[in-house]
Amino acid sequence: MEEFVPEMDGVEENYEHFRFVAEAGQQPLRVDKFLMNFVMNVTRNKVQQAVKDGNVLVNDEVVKANHKVKPGDVVTVVFEFAPRETEILPEDIPLDIVYEDDEVIVINKPAGLVVHPGHGNYDGTMVNALLHHFKNLPENADGRPGLVHRIDKDTSGLLVVAKTEHALAHLSKQFHDKTSERLYHALVWGNIEEDEGTIEGHIGRNLKNRLQQDVFPDGDQGKSAVTHFKVLERFMYVTLVECKLETGRTHQIRAHFKHIGHTLFNDERYGGNAVLKGTTYTKYKQFVDNCFKLIPRQALHAKTLGFEHPTTGEMLRFDSEIPEDMQQVLEKWRGYTLTNK
C-alpha cells in the first residue's frame, strides 16, 4: 500500500525569533558581531547559518554578515533548532473524548493544549495524554502516536486520532484525498461584504518572519491552499464566519483571512490583537480590550469533523459547542451591535 503522510494543520517548527533596536550610541558594527553581543549563548556558527539562510534582516531587508548596524536599525533574526531527541512520556492529563471505538478516537481539544511535543513544548501535550489513556497507538510518518491531523495550540475543537495501523492509513488517505470534512468558526476583523466566498493562494513560510505563514497568490512559493467561507453573523466591525477547508496547510485560516484584510480577532501572531476596525472613541477601545481579556487567543474553533469510518465505511460526523470564551465575546459583540445601530 502507498504510504500517505498525514497533513498537519498548523505544525510549529523549531524556530526562535529575536528582534533588537540598535541604541542611539551604537557604533557601526557588523551584524554578525552585533548578534553575538546580544543573543545569549548563541554560537558564531549558528549566526553564520542564519545569515546564509536569509534569516537575518535589518530594517526588513535581508543582509549579509558584513552589513553594518547603525543607531535606530531594527535587527531581526530567526534561528532554527534541531528537534530535541527525547522520549515522549505518558502524562495523566484529562481528555474530552466525544467518541471512541476499537479504531478511532474523537477528541474536543481545549485552547491552550499543544497537540504534540516540539521545540519549547516537550511535555504536557495531547500526545502525552494519549499515551496515558491508550496503549499501543500506531505512529504516523513523523513518529507521533495516533495523529492524523492537528490544530494550533490556541485553537480549540475536534481532532480524530487513530488507534490501529489500518485506521491511521485509512484516515490519512482521506485527509490526503480531501474527502474528510472540517468546518471551523472564526471571528474576524472587519465587515465581510460577500455572504460567501473562496480564498485561494499558496501558503508558505513568511520570508521576513519565520513564525508566520504568508500567502503567495502567484504560486511561486508554498503549497496550494483553498478555504471556503460563509458569513454567519455581522457585528459592525467584526464578522463571524464558517470556514470549510479543502487543504490543511499550516495556519491556513489565519493566513488566508489576513491576506484578504480580515485578520482573526485577537490573533497576536498575525496582528489581530490590535484595534483594527471601528471608531476612535475611548469607550470603543475599552470594549475591545475587554473582549481581548475574555478570549486571550485567536477566535478560532474547529467545530465540525466528518470522516468515513475505516472499518465500517459509515460516514461519521461530529459537532462541538463553541467554547465559553468565544461565546462570551460573541454575546458582547451582539450587545454592542444592538446598542449602536
C-alpha atoms as a PDB file:
ATOM      1  CA  MET A   1       0.000   0.000   0.000  1.00  0.00           C
ATOM      2  CA  GLU A   2       1.201   3.515  -0.764  1.00  0.00           C
ATOM      3  CA  GLU A   3       2.058   5.401   2.411  1.00  0.00           C
ATOM      4  CA  PHE A   4       0.113   8.625   2.853  1.00  0.00           C
ATOM      5  CA  VAL A   5       1.782  11.241   5.019  1.00  0.00           C
ATOM      6  CA  PRO A   6      -0.894  12.996   7.120  1.00  0.00           C
ATOM      7  CA  GLU A   7      -1.316  16.738   6.743  1.00  0.00           C
ATOM      8  CA  MET A   8      -0.518  18.546   9.956  1.00  0.00           C
ATOM      9  CA  ASP A   9      -2.670  21.663  10.370  1.00  0.00           C
ATOM     10  CA  GLY A  10      -0.527  24.363  11.917  1.00  0.00           C
ATOM     11  CA  VAL A  11       2.704  22.469  12.585  1.00  0.00           C
ATOM     12  CA  GLU A  12       5.064  24.616  14.664  1.00  0.00           C
ATOM     13  CA  GLU A  13       8.652  24.095  13.516  1.00  0.00           C
ATOM     14  CA  ASN A  14      11.734  24.574  15.653  1.00  0.00           C
ATOM     15  CA  TYR A  15      12.384  28.292  15.298  1.00  0.00           C
ATOM     16  CA  GLU A  16      13.274  31.022  17.763  1.00  0.00           C
ATOM     17  CA  HIS A  17      12.803  34.671  16.813  1.00  0.00           C
ATOM     18  CA  PHE A  18      14.693  37.715  18.145  1.00  0.00           C
ATOM     19  CA  ARG A  19      14.234  41.426  17.480  1.00  0.00           C
ATOM     20  CA  PHE A  20      16.545  44.270  18.535  1.00  0.00           C
ATOM     21  CA  VAL A  21      16.583  48.033  18.009  1.00  0.00           C
ATOM     22  CA  ALA A  22      20.110  49.473  17.939  1.00  0.00           C
ATOM     23  CA  GLU A  23      20.544  52.181  20.569  1.00  0.00           C
ATOM     24  CA  ALA A  24      21.388  55.795  19.793  1.00  0.00           C
ATOM     25  CA  GLY A  25      25.019  55.367  20.825  1.00  0.00           C
ATOM     26  CA  GLN A  26      25.560  52.269  18.727  1.00  0.00           C
ATOM     27  CA  GLN A  27      28.824  52.426  16.767  1.00  0.00           C
ATOM     28  CA  PRO A  28      28.659  50.888  13.256  1.00  0.00           C
ATOM     29  CA  LEU A  29      29.115  47.145  13.821  1.00  0.00           C
ATOM     30  CA  ARG A  30      28.917  44.083  11.607  1.00  0.00           C
ATOM     31  CA  VAL A  31      25.531  42.454  12.050  1.00  0.00           C
ATOM     32  CA  ASP A  32      27.048  39.053  12.880  1.00  0.00           C
ATOM     33  CA  LYS A  33      29.095  40.593  15.704  1.00  0.00           C
ATOM     34  CA  PHE A  34      26.062  42.613  16.802  1.00  0.00           C
ATOM     35  CA  LEU A  35      24.034  39.419  17.198  1.00  0.00           C
ATOM     36  CA  MET A  36      26.869  37.667  19.034  1.00  0.00           C
ATOM     37  CA  ASN A  37      26.754  40.518  21.558  1.00  0.00           C
ATOM     38  CA  PHE A  38      23.001  40.476  22.096  1.00  0.00           C
ATOM     39  CA  VAL A  39      21.801  36.863  21.773  1.00  0.00           C
ATOM     40  CA  MET A  40      22.646  34.847  24.863  1.00  0.00           C
ATOM     41  CA  ASN A  41      24.585  31.594  24.381  1.00  0.00           C
ATOM     42  CA  VAL A  42      24.470  31.724  20.581  1.00  0.00           C
ATOM     43  CA  THR A  43      27.455  30.348  18.658  1.00  0.00           C
ATOM     44  CA  ARG A  44      29.216  32.033  15.744  1.00  0.00           C
ATOM     45  CA  ASN A  45      28.290  29.075  13.537  1.00  0.00           C
ATOM     46  CA  LYS A  46      24.622  29.493  14.439  1.00  0.00           C
ATOM     47  CA  VAL A  47      24.725  33.186  13.464  1.00  0.00           C
ATOM     48  CA  GLN A  48      26.541  32.434  10.208  1.00  0.00           C
ATOM     49  CA  GLN A  49      23.992  29.757   9.309  1.00  0.00           C
ATOM     50  CA  ALA A  50      21.130  32.195   9.969  1.00  0.00           C
ATOM     51  CA  VAL A  51      22.788  34.726   7.648  1.00  0.00           C
ATOM     52  CA  LYS A  52      23.308  32.066   4.977  1.00  0.00           C
ATOM     53  CA  ASP A  53      19.639  31.019   5.216  1.00  0.00           C
ATOM     54  CA  GLY A  54      18.457  34.615   4.751  1.00  0.00           C
ATOM     55  CA  ASN A  55      17.105  34.754   8.283  1.00  0.00           C
ATOM     56  CA  VAL A  56      18.931  37.915   9.377  1.00  0.00           C
ATOM     57  CA  LEU A  57      17.204  41.174   8.461  1.00  0.00           C
ATOM     58  CA  VAL A  58      17.961  44.817   9.112  1.00  0.00           C
ATOM     59  CA  ASN A  59      15.001  47.142   8.676  1.00  0.00           C
ATOM     60  CA  ASP A  60      13.105  44.280   6.972  1.00  0.00           C
ATOM     61  CA  GLU A  61      15.832  43.705   4.388  1.00  0.00           C
ATOM     62  CA  VAL A  62      17.890  40.504   4.185  1.00  0.00           C
ATOM     63  CA  VAL A  63      21.553  41.355   4.764  1.00  0.00           C
ATOM     64  CA  LYS A  64      24.982  39.717   4.641  1.00  0.00           C
ATOM     65  CA  ALA A  65      27.215  39.135   7.643  1.00  0.00           C
ATOM     66  CA  ASN A  66      29.331  42.242   6.959  1.00  0.00           C
ATOM     67  CA  HIS A  67      26.372  44.634   6.948  1.00  0.00           C
ATOM     68  CA  LYS A  68      26.989  47.454   9.441  1.00  0.00           C
ATOM     69  CA  VAL A  69      24.297  48.062  12.078  1.00  0.00           C
ATOM     70  CA  LYS A  70      23.709  51.747  12.863  1.00  0.00           C
ATOM     71  CA  PRO A  71      21.702  53.587  15.553  1.00  0.00           C
ATOM     72  CA  GLY A  72      17.950  53.045  15.193  1.00  0.00           C
ATOM     73  CA  ASP A  73      18.270  49.977  12.971  1.00  0.00           C
ATOM     74  CA  VAL A  74      15.795  47.172  13.639  1.00  0.00           C
ATOM     75  CA  VAL A  75      17.614  43.839  13.576  1.00  0.00           C
ATOM     76  CA  THR A  76      15.645  40.587  13.442  1.00  0.00           C
ATOM     77  CA  VAL A  77      16.942  37.036  13.332  1.00  0.00           C
ATOM     78  CA  VAL A  78      15.382  33.592  13.321  1.00  0.00           C
ATOM     79  CA  PHE A  79      17.398  30.612  14.498  1.00  0.00           C
ATOM     80  CA  GLU A  80      16.428  27.078  13.556  1.00  0.00           C
ATOM     81  CA  PHE A  81      16.944  24.363  16.118  1.00  0.00           C
ATOM     82  CA  ALA A  82      17.125  20.626  15.564  1.00  0.00           C
ATOM     83  CA  PRO A  83      14.305  18.749  17.288  1.00  0.00           C
ATOM     84  CA  ARG A  84      15.323  17.539  20.715  1.00  0.00           C
ATOM     85  CA  GLU A  85      15.561  13.766  20.865  1.00  0.00           C
ATOM     86  CA  THR A  86      13.534  12.861  23.940  1.00  0.00           C
ATOM     87  CA  GLU A  87      11.211  10.098  24.960  1.00  0.00           C
ATOM     88  CA  ILE A  88       7.544  11.035  24.993  1.00  0.00           C
ATOM     89  CA  LEU A  89       6.218  10.009  28.381  1.00  0.00           C
ATOM     90  CA  PRO A  90       2.609   9.294  29.372  1.00  0.00           C
ATOM     91  CA  GLU A  91       1.009  12.035  31.476  1.00  0.00           C
ATOM     92  CA  ASP A  92      -2.288  11.981  33.333  1.00  0.00           C
ATOM     93  CA  ILE A  93      -3.900  14.908  31.509  1.00  0.00           C
ATOM     94  CA  PRO A  94      -7.710  14.903  31.138  1.00  0.00           C
ATOM     95  CA  LEU A  95      -9.090  14.480  27.613  1.00  0.00           C
ATOM     96  CA  ASP A  96     -12.571  15.426  26.415  1.00  0.00           C
ATOM     97  CA  ILE A  97     -13.357  12.271  24.424  1.00  0.00           C
ATOM     98  CA  VAL A  98     -16.561  12.682  22.415  1.00  0.00           C
ATOM     99  CA  TYR A  99     -16.374   9.312  20.619  1.00  0.00           C
ATOM    100  CA  GLU A 100     -14.333   6.138  20.843  1.00  0.00           C
ATOM    101  CA  ASP A 101     -14.427   2.628  19.373  1.00  0.00           C
ATOM    102  CA  ASP A 102     -11.827  -0.007  18.519  1.00  0.00           C
ATOM    103  CA  GLU A 103     -10.437   2.024  15.598  1.00  0.00           C
ATOM    104  CA  VAL A 104     -10.762   5.767  16.288  1.00  0.00           C
ATOM    105  CA  ILE A 105     -10.977   8.399  18.998  1.00  0.00           C
ATOM    106  CA  VAL A 106     -12.517  11.859  18.536  1.00  0.00           C
ATOM    107  CA  ILE A 107     -11.275  14.479  20.988  1.00  0.00           C
ATOM    108  CA  ASN A 108     -12.520  18.000  21.663  1.00  0.00           C
ATOM    109  CA  LYS A 109      -9.249  19.855  22.346  1.00  0.00           C
ATOM    110  CA  PRO A 110      -9.349  22.928  24.579  1.00  0.00           C
ATOM    111  CA  ALA A 111      -7.484  26.085  23.638  1.00  0.00           C
ATOM    112  CA  GLY A 112      -4.034  26.196  25.189  1.00  0.00           C
ATOM    113  CA  LEU A 113      -3.286  22.483  24.854  1.00  0.00           C
ATOM    114  CA  VAL A 114      -0.402  21.741  22.480  1.00  0.00           C
ATOM    115  CA  VAL A 115      -1.127  18.715  20.282  1.00  0.00           C
ATOM    116  CA  HIS A 116       2.335  17.109  20.219  1.00  0.00           C
ATOM    117  CA  PRO A 117       5.801  17.731  21.698  1.00  0.00           C
ATOM    118  CA  GLY A 118       8.098  20.114  19.850  1.00  0.00           C
ATOM    119  CA  HIS A 119      10.547  22.949  20.435  1.00  0.00           C
ATOM    120  CA  GLY A 120       9.584  24.624  23.719  1.00  0.00           C
ATOM    121  CA  ASN A 121       6.826  22.109  24.461  1.00  0.00           C
ATOM    122  CA  TYR A 122       8.406  18.794  25.380  1.00  0.00           C
ATOM    123  CA  ASP A 123       5.673  17.659  27.755  1.00  0.00           C
ATOM    124  CA  GLY A 124       2.121  18.492  28.818  1.00  0.00           C
ATOM    125  CA  THR A 125       0.776  17.874  25.309  1.00  0.00           C
ATOM    126  CA  MET A 126      -2.217  15.971  23.969  1.00  0.00           C
ATOM    127  CA  VAL A 127       0.101  13.197  22.786  1.00  0.00           C
ATOM    128  CA  ASN A 128       1.435  12.788  26.334  1.00  0.00           C
ATOM    129  CA  ALA A 129      -2.177  12.458  27.476  1.00  0.00           C
ATOM    130  CA  LEU A 130      -2.984   9.948  24.724  1.00  0.00           C
ATOM    131  CA  LEU A 131      -0.110   7.697  25.816  1.00  0.00           C
ATOM    132  CA  HIS A 132      -1.535   7.673  29.338  1.00  0.00           C
ATOM    133  CA  HIS A 133      -5.101   6.869  28.289  1.00  0.00           C
ATOM    134  CA  PHE A 134      -4.398   4.477  25.390  1.00  0.00           C
ATOM    135  CA  LYS A 135      -1.830   1.753  24.770  1.00  0.00           C
ATOM    136  CA  ASN A 136      -0.053   0.738  21.563  1.00  0.00           C
ATOM    137  CA  LEU A 137      -1.158   3.665  19.397  1.00  0.00           C
ATOM    138  CA  PRO A 138       0.333   3.484  15.875  1.00  0.00           C
ATOM    139  CA  GLU A 139       2.922   6.091  14.915  1.00  0.00           C
ATOM    140  CA  ASN A 140       2.470   8.323  11.886  1.00  0.00           C
ATOM    141  CA  ALA A 141       5.261   9.203   9.444  1.00  0.00           C
ATOM    142  CA  ASP A 142       6.616  11.778  11.919  1.00  0.00           C
ATOM    143  CA  GLY A 143       6.662   9.281  14.780  1.00  0.00           C
ATOM    144  CA  ARG A 144       3.671  10.842  16.536  1.00  0.00           C
ATOM    145  CA  PRO A 145       1.300   8.332  18.150  1.00  0.00           C
ATOM    146  CA  GLY A 146      -2.149   8.209  16.562  1.00  0.00           C
ATOM    147  CA  LEU A 147      -2.095  11.655  14.943  1.00  0.00           C
ATOM    148  CA  VAL A 148      -3.820  12.089  11.597  1.00  0.00           C
ATOM    149  CA  HIS A 149      -4.003  15.902  11.667  1.00  0.00           C
ATOM    150  CA  ARG A 150      -3.648  18.661  14.224  1.00  0.00           C
ATOM    151  CA  ILE A 151      -4.789  22.155  15.175  1.00  0.00           C
ATOM    152  CA  ASP A 152      -2.828  25.024  16.691  1.00  0.00           C
ATOM    153  CA  LYS A 153      -2.236  25.311  20.413  1.00  0.00           C
ATOM    154  CA  ASP A 154      -4.641  28.234  20.847  1.00  0.00           C
ATOM    155  CA  THR A 155      -7.310  26.866  18.502  1.00  0.00           C
ATOM    156  CA  SER A 156      -9.997  24.765  20.151  1.00  0.00           C
ATOM    157  CA  GLY A 157     -12.025  21.951  18.632  1.00  0.00           C
ATOM    158  CA  LEU A 158     -12.280  18.458  17.203  1.00  0.00           C
ATOM    159  CA  LEU A 159      -9.495  16.051  16.252  1.00  0.00           C
ATOM    160  CA  VAL A 160      -9.592  12.409  15.188  1.00  0.00           C
ATOM    161  CA  VAL A 161      -6.929  10.011  16.483  1.00  0.00           C
ATOM    162  CA  ALA A 162      -6.227   6.541  15.054  1.00  0.00           C
ATOM    163  CA  LYS A 163      -5.981   3.510  17.366  1.00  0.00           C
ATOM    164  CA  THR A 164      -4.737   0.995  14.750  1.00  0.00           C
ATOM    165  CA  GLU A 165      -2.349   0.962  11.801  1.00  0.00           C
ATOM    166  CA  HIS A 166      -5.290   0.299   9.494  1.00  0.00           C
ATOM    167  CA  ALA A 167      -7.215   3.298  10.840  1.00  0.00           C
ATOM    168  CA  LEU A 168      -4.146   5.549  10.580  1.00  0.00           C
ATOM    169  CA  ALA A 169      -3.567   4.660   6.919  1.00  0.00           C
ATOM    170  CA  HIS A 170      -7.281   4.926   6.032  1.00  0.00           C
ATOM    171  CA  LEU A 171      -7.841   8.264   7.776  1.00  0.00           C
ATOM    172  CA  SER A 172      -4.581   9.736   6.455  1.00  0.00           C
ATOM    173  CA  LYS A 173      -5.668   8.859   2.930  1.00  0.00           C
ATOM    174  CA  GLN A 174      -8.991  10.642   3.485  1.00  0.00           C
ATOM    175  CA  PHE A 175      -7.218  13.818   4.590  1.00  0.00           C
ATOM    176  CA  HIS A 176      -4.792  13.470   1.683  1.00  0.00           C
ATOM    177  CA  ASP A 177      -7.650  12.983  -0.809  1.00  0.00           C
ATOM    178  CA  LYS A 178      -9.681  15.838   0.741  1.00  0.00           C
ATOM    179  CA  THR A 179     -12.688  13.608   1.439  1.00  0.00           C
ATOM    180  CA  SER A 180     -12.824  14.423   5.148  1.00  0.00           C
ATOM    181  CA  GLU A 181     -14.984  17.316   6.353  1.00  0.00           C
ATOM    182  CA  ARG A 182     -13.637  20.129   8.510  1.00  0.00           C
ATOM    183  CA  LEU A 183     -15.677  23.183   9.452  1.00  0.00           C
ATOM    184  CA  TYR A 184     -14.313  25.983  11.614  1.00  0.00           C
ATOM    185  CA  HIS A 185     -15.962  29.037  13.164  1.00  0.00           C
ATOM    186  CA  ALA A 186     -13.829  32.176  13.242  1.00  0.00           C
ATOM    187  CA  LEU A 187     -14.394  35.750  14.367  1.00  0.00           C
ATOM    188  CA  VAL A 188     -12.501  38.085  12.038  1.00  0.00           C
ATOM    189  CA  TRP A 189     -11.885  41.801  11.910  1.00  0.00           C
ATOM    190  CA  GLY A 190     -13.975  43.913   9.526  1.00  0.00           C
ATOM    191  CA  ASN A 191     -17.291  43.552   7.736  1.00  0.00           C
ATOM    192  CA  ILE A 192     -17.036  40.924   5.011  1.00  0.00           C
ATOM    193  CA  GLU A 193     -19.371  42.175   2.301  1.00  0.00           C
ATOM    194  CA  GLU A 194     -19.878  38.857   0.474  1.00  0.00           C
ATOM    195  CA  ASP A 195     -22.211  36.318   2.070  1.00  0.00           C
ATOM    196  CA  GLU A 196     -19.861  33.535   0.980  1.00  0.00           C
ATOM    197  CA  GLY A 197     -16.687  33.075  -0.996  1.00  0.00           C
ATOM    198  CA  THR A 198     -13.465  31.178  -1.557  1.00  0.00           C
ATOM    199  CA  ILE A 199      -9.908  32.192  -0.690  1.00  0.00           C
ATOM    200  CA  GLU A 200      -7.204  30.608  -2.833  1.00  0.00           C
ATOM    201  CA  GLY A 201      -3.495  31.176  -2.657  1.00  0.00           C
ATOM    202  CA  HIS A 202      -0.369  29.161  -1.979  1.00  0.00           C
ATOM    203  CA  ILE A 203       0.703  29.236   1.662  1.00  0.00           C
ATOM    204  CA  GLY A 204       4.329  29.105   2.758  1.00  0.00           C
ATOM    205  CA  ARG A 205       6.570  30.448   5.452  1.00  0.00           C
ATOM    206  CA  ASN A 206       6.790  34.241   5.623  1.00  0.00           C
ATOM    207  CA  LEU A 207      10.094  35.428   4.159  1.00  0.00           C
ATOM    208  CA  LYS A 208      10.623  38.046   6.880  1.00  0.00           C
ATOM    209  CA  ASN A 209       9.063  36.371   9.923  1.00  0.00           C
ATOM    210  CA  ARG A 210       9.584  32.620  10.028  1.00  0.00           C
ATOM    211  CA  LEU A 211       6.961  32.256  12.765  1.00  0.00           C
ATOM    212  CA  GLN A 212       4.223  33.352  10.374  1.00  0.00           C
ATOM    213  CA  GLN A 213       2.787  31.851   7.222  1.00  0.00           C
ATOM    214  CA  ASP A 214       2.178  34.023   4.171  1.00  0.00           C
ATOM    215  CA  VAL A 215       0.045  33.787   1.041  1.00  0.00           C
ATOM    216  CA  PHE A 216       1.756  33.671  -2.369  1.00  0.00           C
ATOM    217  CA  PRO A 217      -1.095  34.209  -4.872  1.00  0.00           C
ATOM    218  CA  ASP A 218       1.190  33.710  -7.863  1.00  0.00           C
ATOM    219  CA  GLY A 219       2.000  30.213  -6.660  1.00  0.00           C
ATOM    220  CA  ASP A 220       5.743  30.800  -6.856  1.00  0.00           C
ATOM    221  CA  GLN A 221       6.238  29.577  -3.287  1.00  0.00           C
ATOM    222  CA  GLY A 222       4.441  27.470  -0.712  1.00  0.00           C
ATOM    223  CA  LYS A 223       1.723  24.877  -1.291  1.00  0.00           C
ATOM    224  CA  SER A 224      -1.737  25.315  -2.779  1.00  0.00           C
ATOM    225  CA  ALA A 225      -4.454  26.104  -0.241  1.00  0.00           C
ATOM    226  CA  VAL A 226      -8.214  26.613  -0.559  1.00  0.00           C
ATOM    227  CA  THR A 227     -10.571  27.932   2.117  1.00  0.00           C
ATOM    228  CA  HIS A 228     -14.318  28.310   1.535  1.00  0.00           C
ATOM    229  CA  PHE A 229     -16.206  30.638   3.867  1.00  0.00           C
ATOM    230  CA  LYS A 230     -19.763  31.619   4.670  1.00  0.00           C
ATOM    231  CA  VAL A 231     -20.818  34.617   6.778  1.00  0.00           C
ATOM    232  CA  LEU A 232     -22.868  33.619   9.831  1.00  0.00           C
ATOM    233  CA  GLU A 233     -23.254  36.974  11.638  1.00  0.00           C
ATOM    234  CA  ARG A 234     -22.074  40.556  11.208  1.00  0.00           C
ATOM    235  CA  PHE A 235     -21.274  42.784  14.185  1.00  0.00           C
ATOM    236  CA  MET A 236     -20.443  46.137  12.553  1.00  0.00           C
ATOM    237  CA  TYR A 237     -16.671  45.903  12.972  1.00  0.00           C
ATOM    238  CA  VAL A 238     -16.166  42.133  13.137  1.00  0.00           C
ATOM    239  CA  THR A 239     -17.709  39.159  11.330  1.00  0.00           C
ATOM    240  CA  LEU A 240     -18.408  35.584  12.390  1.00  0.00           C
ATOM    241  CA  VAL A 241     -17.638  33.167   9.569  1.00  0.00           C
ATOM    242  CA  GLU A 242     -17.811  29.437   8.941  1.00  0.00           C
ATOM    243  CA  CYS A 243     -14.753  28.088   7.133  1.00  0.00           C
ATOM    244  CA  LYS A 244     -14.571  24.851   5.167  1.00  0.00           C
ATOM    245  CA  LEU A 245     -11.075  23.576   4.441  1.00  0.00           C
ATOM    246  CA  GLU A 246     -10.128  21.815   1.234  1.00  0.00           C
ATOM    247  CA  THR A 247      -6.486  21.675   2.335  1.00  0.00           C
ATOM    248  CA  GLY A 248      -4.789  21.625   5.723  1.00  0.00           C
ATOM    249  CA  ARG A 249      -1.842  23.997   5.493  1.00  0.00           C
ATOM    250  CA  THR A 250      -0.032  25.478   8.456  1.00  0.00           C
ATOM    251  CA  HIS A 251      -2.093  28.398   9.839  1.00  0.00           C
ATOM    252  CA  GLN A 252      -4.285  28.217   6.725  1.00  0.00           C
ATOM    253  CA  ILE A 253      -7.336  30.082   8.024  1.00  0.00           C
ATOM    254  CA  ARG A 254      -5.220  32.619   9.892  1.00  0.00           C
ATOM    255  CA  ALA A 255      -3.017  33.388   6.873  1.00  0.00           C
ATOM    256  CA  HIS A 256      -5.819  33.382   4.302  1.00  0.00           C
ATOM    257  CA  PHE A 257      -8.024  35.814   6.207  1.00  0.00           C
ATOM    258  CA  LYS A 258      -5.132  38.156   6.948  1.00  0.00           C
ATOM    259  CA  HIS A 259      -4.380  38.081   3.219  1.00  0.00           C
ATOM    260  CA  ILE A 260      -7.871  39.374   2.355  1.00  0.00           C
ATOM    261  CA  GLY A 261      -7.744  42.041   5.081  1.00  0.00           C
ATOM    262  CA  HIS A 262      -9.773  40.263   7.757  1.00  0.00           C
ATOM    263  CA  THR A 263      -7.268  39.092  10.371  1.00  0.00           C
ATOM    264  CA  LEU A 264      -8.668  36.817  13.080  1.00  0.00           C
ATOM    265  CA  PHE A 265      -9.827  38.576  16.229  1.00  0.00           C
ATOM    266  CA  ASN A 266      -7.063  38.681  18.875  1.00  0.00           C
ATOM    267  CA  ASP A 267      -4.647  36.663  16.736  1.00  0.00           C
ATOM    268  CA  GLU A 268      -1.449  38.041  18.221  1.00  0.00           C
ATOM    269  CA  ARG A 269       0.918  36.388  15.758  1.00  0.00           C
ATOM    270  CA  TYR A 270      -0.860  37.948  12.763  1.00  0.00           C
ATOM    271  CA  GLY A 271      -1.620  41.359  14.281  1.00  0.00           C
ATOM    272  CA  GLY A 272      -5.227  40.735  15.280  1.00  0.00           C
ATOM    273  CA  ASN A 273      -4.569  41.734  18.885  1.00  0.00           C
ATOM    274  CA  ALA A 274      -4.814  45.446  17.971  1.00  0.00           C
ATOM    275  CA  VAL A 275      -7.940  47.501  17.280  1.00  0.00           C
ATOM    276  CA  LEU A 276      -8.012  47.051  13.502  1.00  0.00           C
ATOM    277  CA  LYS A 277     -11.532  48.329  12.798  1.00  0.00           C
ATOM    278  CA  GLY A 278     -14.030  50.612  14.492  1.00  0.00           C
ATOM    279  CA  THR A 279     -14.143  54.070  15.985  1.00  0.00           C
ATOM    280  CA  THR A 280     -11.574  56.248  17.724  1.00  0.00           C
ATOM    281  CA  TYR A 281     -13.727  56.600  20.830  1.00  0.00           C
ATOM    282  CA  THR A 282     -12.037  55.604  24.087  1.00  0.00           C
ATOM    283  CA  LYS A 283     -15.106  53.612  25.162  1.00  0.00           C
ATOM    284  CA  TYR A 284     -14.906  51.505  21.999  1.00  0.00           C
ATOM    285  CA  LYS A 285     -11.235  50.750  22.567  1.00  0.00           C
ATOM    286  CA  GLN A 286     -12.042  49.746  26.143  1.00  0.00           C
ATOM    287  CA  PHE A 287     -14.821  47.496  24.860  1.00  0.00           C
ATOM    288  CA  VAL A 288     -12.393  45.728  22.510  1.00  0.00           C
ATOM    289  CA  ASP A 289      -9.789  45.390  25.267  1.00  0.00           C
ATOM    290  CA  ASN A 290     -12.425  43.771  27.465  1.00  0.00           C
ATOM    291  CA  CYS A 291     -13.182  41.317  24.653  1.00  0.00           C
ATOM    292  CA  PHE A 292      -9.482  40.515  24.324  1.00  0.00           C
ATOM    293  CA  LYS A 293      -9.372  39.701  28.035  1.00  0.00           C
ATOM    294  CA  LEU A 294     -12.287  37.288  27.643  1.00  0.00           C
ATOM    295  CA  ILE A 295     -10.584  35.393  24.811  1.00  0.00           C
ATOM    296  CA  PRO A 296      -6.793  35.691  25.154  1.00  0.00           C
ATOM    297  CA  ARG A 297      -6.189  33.778  21.913  1.00  0.00           C
ATOM    298  CA  GLN A 298      -7.256  33.788  18.270  1.00  0.00           C
ATOM    299  CA  ALA A 299     -11.049  33.390  17.984  1.00  0.00           C
ATOM    300  CA  LEU A 300     -10.963  30.112  16.059  1.00  0.00           C
ATOM    301  CA  HIS A 301     -12.765  26.837  16.801  1.00  0.00           C
ATOM    302  CA  ALA A 302     -12.714  23.544  14.878  1.00  0.00           C
ATOM    303  CA  LYS A 303     -16.451  22.974  15.207  1.00  0.00           C
ATOM    304  CA  THR A 304     -17.324  20.077  12.883  1.00  0.00           C
ATOM    305  CA  LEU A 305     -15.398  16.999  11.830  1.00  0.00           C
ATOM    306  CA  GLY A 306     -16.564  14.311   9.410  1.00  0.00           C
ATOM    307  CA  PHE A 307     -14.853  11.206   8.042  1.00  0.00           C
ATOM    308  CA  GLU A 308     -15.561   7.712   6.788  1.00  0.00           C
ATOM    309  CA  HIS A 309     -15.100   5.046   9.437  1.00  0.00           C
ATOM    310  CA  PRO A 310     -12.037   3.000   8.427  1.00  0.00           C
ATOM    311  CA  THR A 311     -13.712  -0.360   9.052  1.00  0.00           C
ATOM    312  CA  THR A 312     -17.492   0.036   8.652  1.00  0.00           C
ATOM    313  CA  GLY A 313     -17.386   2.621   5.855  1.00  0.00           C
ATOM    314  CA  GLU A 314     -20.048   4.634   7.678  1.00  0.00           C
ATOM    315  CA  MET A 315     -19.786   8.416   7.365  1.00  0.00           C
ATOM    316  CA  LEU A 316     -19.333   9.810  10.871  1.00  0.00           C
ATOM    317  CA  ARG A 317     -19.941  13.495  11.624  1.00  0.00           C
ATOM    318  CA  PHE A 318     -19.283  15.224  14.927  1.00  0.00           C
ATOM    319  CA  ASP A 319     -20.211  18.716  16.044  1.00  0.00           C
ATOM    320  CA  SER A 320     -18.892  20.599  19.075  1.00  0.00           C
ATOM    321  CA  GLU A 321     -20.186  23.580  21.030  1.00  0.00           C
ATOM    322  CA  ILE A 322     -18.455  26.929  20.662  1.00  0.00           C
ATOM    323  CA  PRO A 323     -16.265  27.206  23.810  1.00  0.00           C
ATOM    324  CA  GLU A 324     -17.227  29.541  26.622  1.00  0.00           C
ATOM    325  CA  ASP A 325     -14.584  32.214  25.956  1.00  0.00           C
ATOM    326  CA  MET A 326     -15.653  32.611  22.335  1.00  0.00           C
ATOM    327  CA  GLN A 327     -19.357  32.521  23.257  1.00  0.00           C
ATOM    328  CA  GLN A 328     -18.874  35.354  25.733  1.00  0.00           C
ATOM    329  CA  VAL A 329     -17.134  37.523  23.155  1.00  0.00           C
ATOM    330  CA  LEU A 330     -19.854  36.871  20.570  1.00  0.00           C
ATOM    331  CA  GLU A 331     -22.523  37.873  23.092  1.00  0.00           C
ATOM    332  CA  LYS A 332     -20.667  41.095  23.863  1.00  0.00           C
ATOM    333  CA  TRP A 333     -20.491  41.937  20.155  1.00  0.00           C
ATOM    334  CA  ARG A 334     -24.192  41.152  19.719  1.00  0.00           C
ATOM    335  CA  GLY A 335     -24.989  43.546  22.535  1.00  0.00           C
ATOM    336  CA  TYR A 336     -22.678  46.225  21.163  1.00  0.00           C
ATOM    337  CA  THR A 337     -24.241  45.961  17.700  1.00  0.00           C
ATOM    338  CA  LEU A 338     -27.803  46.253  19.028  1.00  0.00           C
ATOM    339  CA  THR A 339     -26.884  49.242  21.182  1.00  0.00           C
ATOM    340  CA  ASN A 340     -25.045  51.143  18.442  1.00  0.00           C
ATOM    341  CA  LYS A 341     -27.233  50.544  15.393  1.00  0.00           C
END
